[in-house]
Amino acid sequence: MKKRKNELSAELLILPDGRVLVQNLTQPMADILRKLNPRDQAIAPRAAKSSKRIL
């Protein structure tokens, strides 16, 4: 499958213990992950400060 030039992609791996590993973290994915766990210190700086997107 050929990707379009403007297409964003991120890969997620959810481990059995609940940890989430992300490769190629995009801004939209960081916003979603921050809403799922707002206290995650690794995701917080990568998410938009004033994001108002809805899941």
N, C-alpha and C. Protein backbone atom coordinates (compact mmCIF):
# COMPACT_ATOMS: atom_id res chain seq x y z
N MET A 1 0.85 -1.17 0.00
CA MET A 1 0.00 0.00 0.00
C MET A 1 0.89 1.24 0.00
N LYS A 2 0.65 2.14 -0.91
CA LYS A 2 1.42 3.37 -1.02
C LYS A 2 0.82 4.45 -0.13
N LYS A 3 1.67 5.08 0.70
CA LYS A 3 1.19 6.15 1.58
C LYS A 3 1.15 7.47 0.84
N ARG A 4 0.13 8.24 1.14
CA ARG A 4 0.07 9.60 0.61
C ARG A 4 1.08 10.46 1.34
N LYS A 5 1.56 11.48 0.69
CA LYS A 5 2.61 12.32 1.27
C LYS A 5 2.18 12.99 2.57
N ASN A 6 0.93 13.40 2.70
CA ASN A 6 0.45 14.10 3.89
C ASN A 6 -0.09 13.18 4.97
N GLU A 7 -0.05 11.89 4.76
CA GLU A 7 -0.62 10.94 5.71
C GLU A 7 0.29 10.78 6.93
N LEU A 8 -0.30 10.85 8.12
CA LEU A 8 0.42 10.64 9.37
C LEU A 8 0.18 9.22 9.84
N SER A 9 1.18 8.60 10.43
CA SER A 9 0.98 7.26 10.97
C SER A 9 1.80 7.10 12.24
N ALA A 10 1.27 6.33 13.17
CA ALA A 10 1.96 5.99 14.41
C ALA A 10 1.66 4.53 14.69
N GLU A 11 2.61 3.85 15.31
CA GLU A 11 2.42 2.45 15.66
C GLU A 11 2.32 2.33 17.18
N LEU A 12 1.29 1.62 17.64
CA LEU A 12 1.09 1.43 19.07
C LEU A 12 1.18 -0.05 19.42
N LEU A 13 1.78 -0.33 20.57
CA LEU A 13 1.83 -1.67 21.12
C LEU A 13 1.35 -1.56 22.55
N ILE A 14 0.24 -2.23 22.85
CA ILE A 14 -0.30 -2.22 24.21
C ILE A 14 0.11 -3.53 24.86
N LEU A 15 0.92 -3.43 25.91
CA LEU A 15 1.45 -4.59 26.61
C LEU A 15 0.43 -5.14 27.60
N PRO A 16 0.54 -6.41 27.98
CA PRO A 16 -0.41 -7.02 28.92
C PRO A 16 -0.52 -6.28 30.25
N ASP A 17 0.56 -5.61 30.68
CA ASP A 17 0.52 -4.90 31.95
C ASP A 17 -0.07 -3.49 31.81
N GLY A 18 -0.53 -3.13 30.63
CA GLY A 18 -1.18 -1.85 30.41
C GLY A 18 -0.28 -0.75 29.87
N ARG A 19 1.02 -1.01 29.81
CA ARG A 19 1.92 -0.01 29.24
C ARG A 19 1.68 0.11 27.74
N VAL A 20 1.88 1.31 27.22
CA VAL A 20 1.70 1.57 25.80
C VAL A 20 3.02 2.05 25.23
N LEU A 21 3.50 1.36 24.19
CA LEU A 21 4.71 1.78 23.49
C LEU A 21 4.28 2.36 22.16
N VAL A 22 4.88 3.49 21.79
CA VAL A 22 4.51 4.17 20.55
C VAL A 22 5.75 4.45 19.73
N GLN A 23 5.65 4.15 18.45
CA GLN A 23 6.72 4.48 17.52
C GLN A 23 6.18 5.52 16.54
N ASN A 24 6.97 6.53 16.24
CA ASN A 24 6.58 7.61 15.35
C ASN A 24 5.35 8.33 15.88
N LEU A 25 5.47 8.84 17.09
CA LEU A 25 4.36 9.52 17.75
C LEU A 25 4.00 10.81 17.02
N THR A 26 2.79 10.89 16.52
CA THR A 26 2.32 12.08 15.83
C THR A 26 1.58 12.98 16.82
N GLN A 27 1.42 14.24 16.46
CA GLN A 27 0.71 15.18 17.33
C GLN A 27 -0.73 14.72 17.62
N PRO A 28 -1.49 14.30 16.60
CA PRO A 28 -2.86 13.84 16.90
C PRO A 28 -2.89 12.62 17.82
N MET A 29 -1.95 11.70 17.66
CA MET A 29 -1.91 10.51 18.52
C MET A 29 -1.50 10.91 19.94
N ALA A 30 -0.59 11.84 20.09
CA ALA A 30 -0.20 12.31 21.42
C ALA A 30 -1.39 12.95 22.13
N ASP A 31 -2.20 13.69 21.38
CA ASP A 31 -3.40 14.31 21.97
C ASP A 31 -4.37 13.24 22.48
N ILE A 32 -4.56 12.19 21.70
CA ILE A 32 -5.47 11.10 22.11
C ILE A 32 -4.93 10.38 23.34
N LEU A 33 -3.64 10.04 23.32
CA LEU A 33 -3.05 9.34 24.46
C LEU A 33 -3.07 10.20 25.72
N ARG A 34 -2.91 11.49 25.57
CA ARG A 34 -2.96 12.38 26.74
C ARG A 34 -4.36 12.39 27.35
N LYS A 35 -5.39 12.34 26.52
CA LYS A 35 -6.76 12.30 27.05
C LYS A 35 -7.04 10.99 27.76
N LEU A 36 -6.43 9.92 27.30
CA LEU A 36 -6.61 8.62 27.96
C LEU A 36 -5.89 8.55 29.29
N ASN A 37 -4.74 9.22 29.39
CA ASN A 37 -3.96 9.22 30.63
C ASN A 37 -3.28 10.58 30.79
N PRO A 38 -4.01 11.57 31.32
CA PRO A 38 -3.47 12.93 31.42
C PRO A 38 -2.26 13.08 32.34
N ARG A 39 -2.00 12.11 33.21
CA ARG A 39 -0.87 12.21 34.13
C ARG A 39 0.43 11.61 33.58
N ASP A 40 0.39 11.06 32.39
CA ASP A 40 1.59 10.46 31.79
C ASP A 40 2.59 11.55 31.44
N GLN A 41 3.73 11.55 32.12
CA GLN A 41 4.74 12.59 31.95
C GLN A 41 5.50 12.47 30.64
N ALA A 42 5.51 11.30 30.01
CA ALA A 42 6.21 11.13 28.73
C ALA A 42 5.40 11.69 27.57
N ILE A 43 4.09 11.63 27.66
CA ILE A 43 3.22 12.09 26.57
C ILE A 43 2.89 13.58 26.71
N ALA A 44 2.76 14.07 27.92
CA ALA A 44 2.32 15.45 28.15
C ALA A 44 3.08 16.49 27.33
N PRO A 45 4.41 16.47 27.28
CA PRO A 45 5.10 17.52 26.52
C PRO A 45 4.89 17.41 25.01
N ARG A 46 4.47 16.25 24.53
CA ARG A 46 4.30 16.05 23.08
C ARG A 46 2.90 16.38 22.61
N ALA A 47 1.97 16.47 23.53
CA ALA A 47 0.58 16.79 23.18
C ALA A 47 0.42 18.31 23.13
N ALA A 48 -0.49 18.74 22.31
CA ALA A 48 -0.75 20.19 22.18
C ALA A 48 -1.26 20.73 23.51
N LYS A 49 -0.78 21.87 23.91
CA LYS A 49 -1.17 22.46 25.20
C LYS A 49 -2.64 22.85 25.22
N SER A 50 -3.14 23.29 24.09
CA SER A 50 -4.54 23.77 24.08
C SER A 50 -5.42 22.91 23.16
N SER A 51 -5.11 21.63 23.09
CA SER A 51 -5.88 20.75 22.20
C SER A 51 -7.32 20.60 22.71
N LYS A 52 -8.27 20.77 21.83
CA LYS A 52 -9.67 20.60 22.20
C LYS A 52 -10.33 19.55 21.32
N ARG A 53 -9.52 18.65 20.77
CA ARG A 53 -10.07 17.59 19.94
C ARG A 53 -10.83 16.61 20.81
N ILE A 54 -11.86 16.01 20.24
CA ILE A 54 -12.68 15.04 20.96
C ILE A 54 -12.39 13.65 20.43
N LEU A 55 -12.26 12.69 21.33
CA LEU A 55 -12.04 11.29 20.92
C LEU A 55 -13.17 10.78 20.09
